[in-house]
Amino acid sequence: METQGTIEARASRIQSALDGAFGVRAKTLSKALKRTGRRMPKRLHGEAQLIVAAQRLGGHPKLMRQVDGAALTRAEERVVTWLDGIDRADNRKGLWLGIAGAVAFNILLILAGFVLWMIWAGHV
């Protein structure tokens, strides 16, 4: 049977994995998931919500019987495994390369327009 302590441990493990993967810092797991937004797949977001729902039961003994411990374990393992596979440095490098590519394309476009204008105006 799950206890409030084990559920809190699962939540803190997912929360620290979210901080490591995306830099999301929040006081509760539900806030951390909201701040994660669409960066996490919907399926995994739903599995993390299972743990948030179990946290809401608040350690009430009769309500805690509704919690499926095996499902929480599977959900935690799937979410943490996916989050551990994310490389923040690679994401940051991809962001900068995307920005650099867009700037280079715009410069080439402006240069091509300038050359076409020079040809049209008869200066070349």
C-alpha atoms as a PDB file:
ATOM      1  CA  MET A   1       0.000   0.000   0.000  1.00  0.00           C
ATOM      2  CA  GLU A   2       1.223   3.467  -0.859  1.00  0.00           C
ATOM      3  CA  THR A   3       1.819   6.007   1.865  1.00  0.00           C
ATOM      4  CA  GLN A   4       1.962   9.756   1.683  1.00  0.00           C
ATOM      5  CA  GLY A   5       5.727   9.593   2.200  1.00  0.00           C
ATOM      6  CA  THR A   6       6.342   7.336  -0.792  1.00  0.00           C
ATOM      7  CA  ILE A   7       4.113   9.450  -2.999  1.00  0.00           C
ATOM      8  CA  GLU A   8       5.964  12.599  -1.931  1.00  0.00           C
ATOM      9  CA  ALA A   9       9.273  10.854  -2.673  1.00  0.00           C
ATOM     10  CA  ARG A  10       8.036   9.969  -6.166  1.00  0.00           C
ATOM     11  CA  ALA A  11       6.872  13.541  -6.720  1.00  0.00           C
ATOM     12  CA  SER A  12      10.175  15.015  -5.575  1.00  0.00           C
ATOM     13  CA  ARG A  13      12.096  12.603  -7.837  1.00  0.00           C
ATOM     14  CA  ILE A  14      10.057  13.694 -10.867  1.00  0.00           C
ATOM     15  CA  GLN A  15      10.342  17.330  -9.829  1.00  0.00           C
ATOM     16  CA  SER A  16      14.138  17.121  -9.590  1.00  0.00           C
ATOM     17  CA  ALA A  17      14.238  15.379 -12.997  1.00  0.00           C
ATOM     18  CA  LEU A  18      12.146  18.228 -14.448  1.00  0.00           C
ATOM     19  CA  ASP A  19      14.590  20.709 -12.985  1.00  0.00           C
ATOM     20  CA  GLY A  20      17.506  18.821 -14.485  1.00  0.00           C
ATOM     21  CA  ALA A  21      15.940  18.448 -17.913  1.00  0.00           C
ATOM     22  CA  PHE A  22      14.231  21.807 -18.405  1.00  0.00           C
ATOM     23  CA  GLY A  23      15.377  24.011 -15.536  1.00  0.00           C
ATOM     24  CA  VAL A  24      11.837  24.132 -14.157  1.00  0.00           C
ATOM     25  CA  ARG A  25      11.769  25.064 -10.490  1.00  0.00           C
ATOM     26  CA  ALA A  26       8.522  25.093  -8.555  1.00  0.00           C
ATOM     27  CA  LYS A  27       7.266  24.364  -5.067  1.00  0.00           C
ATOM     28  CA  THR A  28       4.903  21.583  -6.119  1.00  0.00           C
ATOM     29  CA  LEU A  29       4.896  18.979  -8.853  1.00  0.00           C
ATOM     30  CA  SER A  30       1.665  20.285 -10.362  1.00  0.00           C
ATOM     31  CA  LYS A  31       3.162  23.772 -10.776  1.00  0.00           C
ATOM     32  CA  ALA A  32       6.322  22.288 -12.256  1.00  0.00           C
ATOM     33  CA  LEU A  33       4.242  20.350 -14.784  1.00  0.00           C
ATOM     34  CA  LYS A  34       2.339  23.516 -15.711  1.00  0.00           C
ATOM     35  CA  ARG A  35       5.618  25.349 -16.276  1.00  0.00           C
ATOM     36  CA  THR A  36       6.912  22.490 -18.400  1.00  0.00           C
ATOM     37  CA  GLY A  37       4.060  23.034 -20.824  1.00  0.00           C
ATOM     38  CA  ARG A  38       4.328  21.323 -24.204  1.00  0.00           C
ATOM     39  CA  ARG A  39       7.986  20.419 -23.814  1.00  0.00           C
ATOM     40  CA  MET A  40       6.866  17.087 -22.373  1.00  0.00           C
ATOM     41  CA  PRO A  41       4.747  14.614 -24.368  1.00  0.00           C
ATOM     42  CA  LYS A  42       1.064  14.481 -23.497  1.00  0.00           C
ATOM     43  CA  ARG A  43       1.248  10.785 -22.570  1.00  0.00           C
ATOM     44  CA  LEU A  44       4.025  11.369 -20.033  1.00  0.00           C
ATOM     45  CA  HIS A  45       2.352  14.496 -18.761  1.00  0.00           C
ATOM     46  CA  GLY A  46      -0.725  12.393 -17.997  1.00  0.00           C
ATOM     47  CA  GLU A  47       1.362   9.803 -16.181  1.00  0.00           C
ATOM     48  CA  ALA A  48       2.916  12.496 -14.023  1.00  0.00           C
ATOM     49  CA  GLN A  49      -0.594  13.742 -13.302  1.00  0.00           C
ATOM     50  CA  LEU A  50      -1.333  10.330 -11.740  1.00  0.00           C
ATOM     51  CA  ILE A  51       1.188  11.132  -9.039  1.00  0.00           C
ATOM     52  CA  VAL A  52      -0.277  14.621  -8.579  1.00  0.00           C
ATOM     53  CA  ALA A  53      -3.729  13.056  -8.175  1.00  0.00           C
ATOM     54  CA  ALA A  54      -2.344  10.631  -5.592  1.00  0.00           C
ATOM     55  CA  GLN A  55      -0.787  13.562  -3.737  1.00  0.00           C
ATOM     56  CA  ARG A  56      -4.174  15.281  -3.553  1.00  0.00           C
ATOM     57  CA  LEU A  57      -5.572  12.422  -1.502  1.00  0.00           C
ATOM     58  CA  GLY A  58      -3.455  13.829   1.297  1.00  0.00           C
ATOM     59  CA  GLY A  59      -2.572  10.657   3.116  1.00  0.00           C
ATOM     60  CA  HIS A  60      -6.143   9.883   4.091  1.00  0.00           C
ATOM     61  CA  PRO A  61      -6.081   6.154   4.943  1.00  0.00           C
ATOM     62  CA  LYS A  62      -9.368   5.205   3.310  1.00  0.00           C
ATOM     63  CA  LEU A  63      -8.780   7.279   0.200  1.00  0.00           C
ATOM     64  CA  MET A  64      -5.232   5.976  -0.177  1.00  0.00           C
ATOM     65  CA  ARG A  65      -6.695   2.530  -0.912  1.00  0.00           C
ATOM     66  CA  GLN A  66      -7.774   3.918  -4.283  1.00  0.00           C
ATOM     67  CA  VAL A  67      -4.162   4.522  -5.272  1.00  0.00           C
ATOM     68  CA  ASP A  68      -2.602   1.865  -7.508  1.00  0.00           C
ATOM     69  CA  GLY A  69       1.015   1.576  -6.366  1.00  0.00           C
ATOM     70  CA  ALA A  70       2.139  -0.435  -9.383  1.00  0.00           C
ATOM     71  CA  ALA A  71       0.717   2.157 -11.784  1.00  0.00           C
ATOM     72  CA  LEU A  72       2.484   4.937  -9.890  1.00  0.00           C
ATOM     73  CA  THR A  73       5.764   3.039 -10.038  1.00  0.00           C
ATOM     74  CA  ARG A  74       5.450   2.505 -13.793  1.00  0.00           C
ATOM     75  CA  ALA A  75       4.464   6.134 -14.350  1.00  0.00           C
ATOM     76  CA  GLU A  76       7.374   7.415 -12.290  1.00  0.00           C
ATOM     77  CA  GLU A  77       9.895   5.200 -14.075  1.00  0.00           C
ATOM     78  CA  ARG A  78       8.637   6.193 -17.537  1.00  0.00           C
ATOM     79  CA  VAL A  79       8.673   9.907 -16.784  1.00  0.00           C
ATOM     80  CA  VAL A  80      12.073   9.902 -15.074  1.00  0.00           C
ATOM     81  CA  THR A  81      13.620   7.735 -17.808  1.00  0.00           C
ATOM     82  CA  TRP A  82      12.389  10.109 -20.511  1.00  0.00           C
ATOM     83  CA  LEU A  83      13.523  13.184 -18.581  1.00  0.00           C
ATOM     84  CA  ASP A  84      16.971  11.706 -17.935  1.00  0.00           C
ATOM     85  CA  GLY A  85      17.443  11.303 -21.689  1.00  0.00           C
ATOM     86  CA  ILE A  86      17.153  15.047 -22.318  1.00  0.00           C
ATOM     87  CA  ASP A  87      20.405  16.935 -22.798  1.00  0.00           C
ATOM     88  CA  ARG A  88      20.044  20.624 -21.898  1.00  0.00           C
ATOM     89  CA  ALA A  89      23.329  21.552 -23.559  1.00  0.00           C
ATOM     90  CA  ASP A  90      22.228  19.954 -26.833  1.00  0.00           C
ATOM     91  CA  ASN A  91      18.884  21.781 -26.685  1.00  0.00           C
ATOM     92  CA  ARG A  92      20.675  25.074 -26.060  1.00  0.00           C
ATOM     93  CA  LYS A  93      23.086  24.417 -28.924  1.00  0.00           C
ATOM     94  CA  GLY A  94      20.170  23.591 -31.228  1.00  0.00           C
ATOM     95  CA  LEU A  95      18.442  26.836 -30.245  1.00  0.00           C
ATOM     96  CA  TRP A  96      21.525  28.916 -31.080  1.00  0.00           C
ATOM     97  CA  LEU A  97      22.105  27.063 -34.345  1.00  0.00           C
ATOM     98  CA  GLY A  98      18.496  27.713 -35.329  1.00  0.00           C
ATOM     99  CA  ILE A  99      18.868  31.415 -34.602  1.00  0.00           C
ATOM    100  CA  ALA A 100      22.157  31.547 -36.530  1.00  0.00           C
ATOM    101  CA  GLY A 101      20.547  29.781 -39.509  1.00  0.00           C
ATOM    102  CA  ALA A 102      17.661  32.236 -39.569  1.00  0.00           C
ATOM    103  CA  VAL A 103      20.013  35.220 -39.424  1.00  0.00           C
ATOM    104  CA  ALA A 104      22.199  33.783 -42.203  1.00  0.00           C
ATOM    105  CA  PHE A 105      19.145  33.166 -44.398  1.00  0.00           C
ATOM    106  CA  ASN A 106      17.926  36.721 -43.863  1.00  0.00           C
ATOM    107  CA  ILE A 107      21.334  38.158 -44.736  1.00  0.00           C
ATOM    108  CA  LEU A 108      21.466  36.099 -47.932  1.00  0.00           C
ATOM    109  CA  LEU A 109      17.944  37.192 -48.826  1.00  0.00           C
ATOM    110  CA  ILE A 110      18.828  40.863 -48.332  1.00  0.00           C
ATOM    111  CA  LEU A 111      22.009  40.492 -50.399  1.00  0.00           C
ATOM    112  CA  ALA A 112      20.109  38.776 -53.219  1.00  0.00           C
ATOM    113  CA  GLY A 113      17.527  41.562 -53.165  1.00  0.00           C
ATOM    114  CA  PHE A 114      20.267  44.183 -53.274  1.00  0.00           C
ATOM    115  CA  VAL A 115      21.950  42.495 -56.254  1.00  0.00           C
ATOM    116  CA  LEU A 116      18.614  42.247 -58.082  1.00  0.00           C
ATOM    117  CA  TRP A 117      17.926  45.916 -57.373  1.00  0.00           C
ATOM    118  CA  MET A 118      21.399  46.846 -58.714  1.00  0.00           C
ATOM    119  CA  ILE A 119      20.728  44.873 -61.893  1.00  0.00           C
ATOM    120  CA  TRP A 120      17.231  46.377 -62.314  1.00  0.00           C
ATOM    121  CA  ALA A 121      18.541  49.900 -61.774  1.00  0.00           C
ATOM    122  CA  GLY A 122      21.242  49.342 -64.364  1.00  0.00           C
ATOM    123  CA  HIS A 123      24.244  49.846 -62.096  1.00  0.00           C
ATOM    124  CA  VAL A 124      25.709  46.446 -62.906  1.00  0.00           C
END
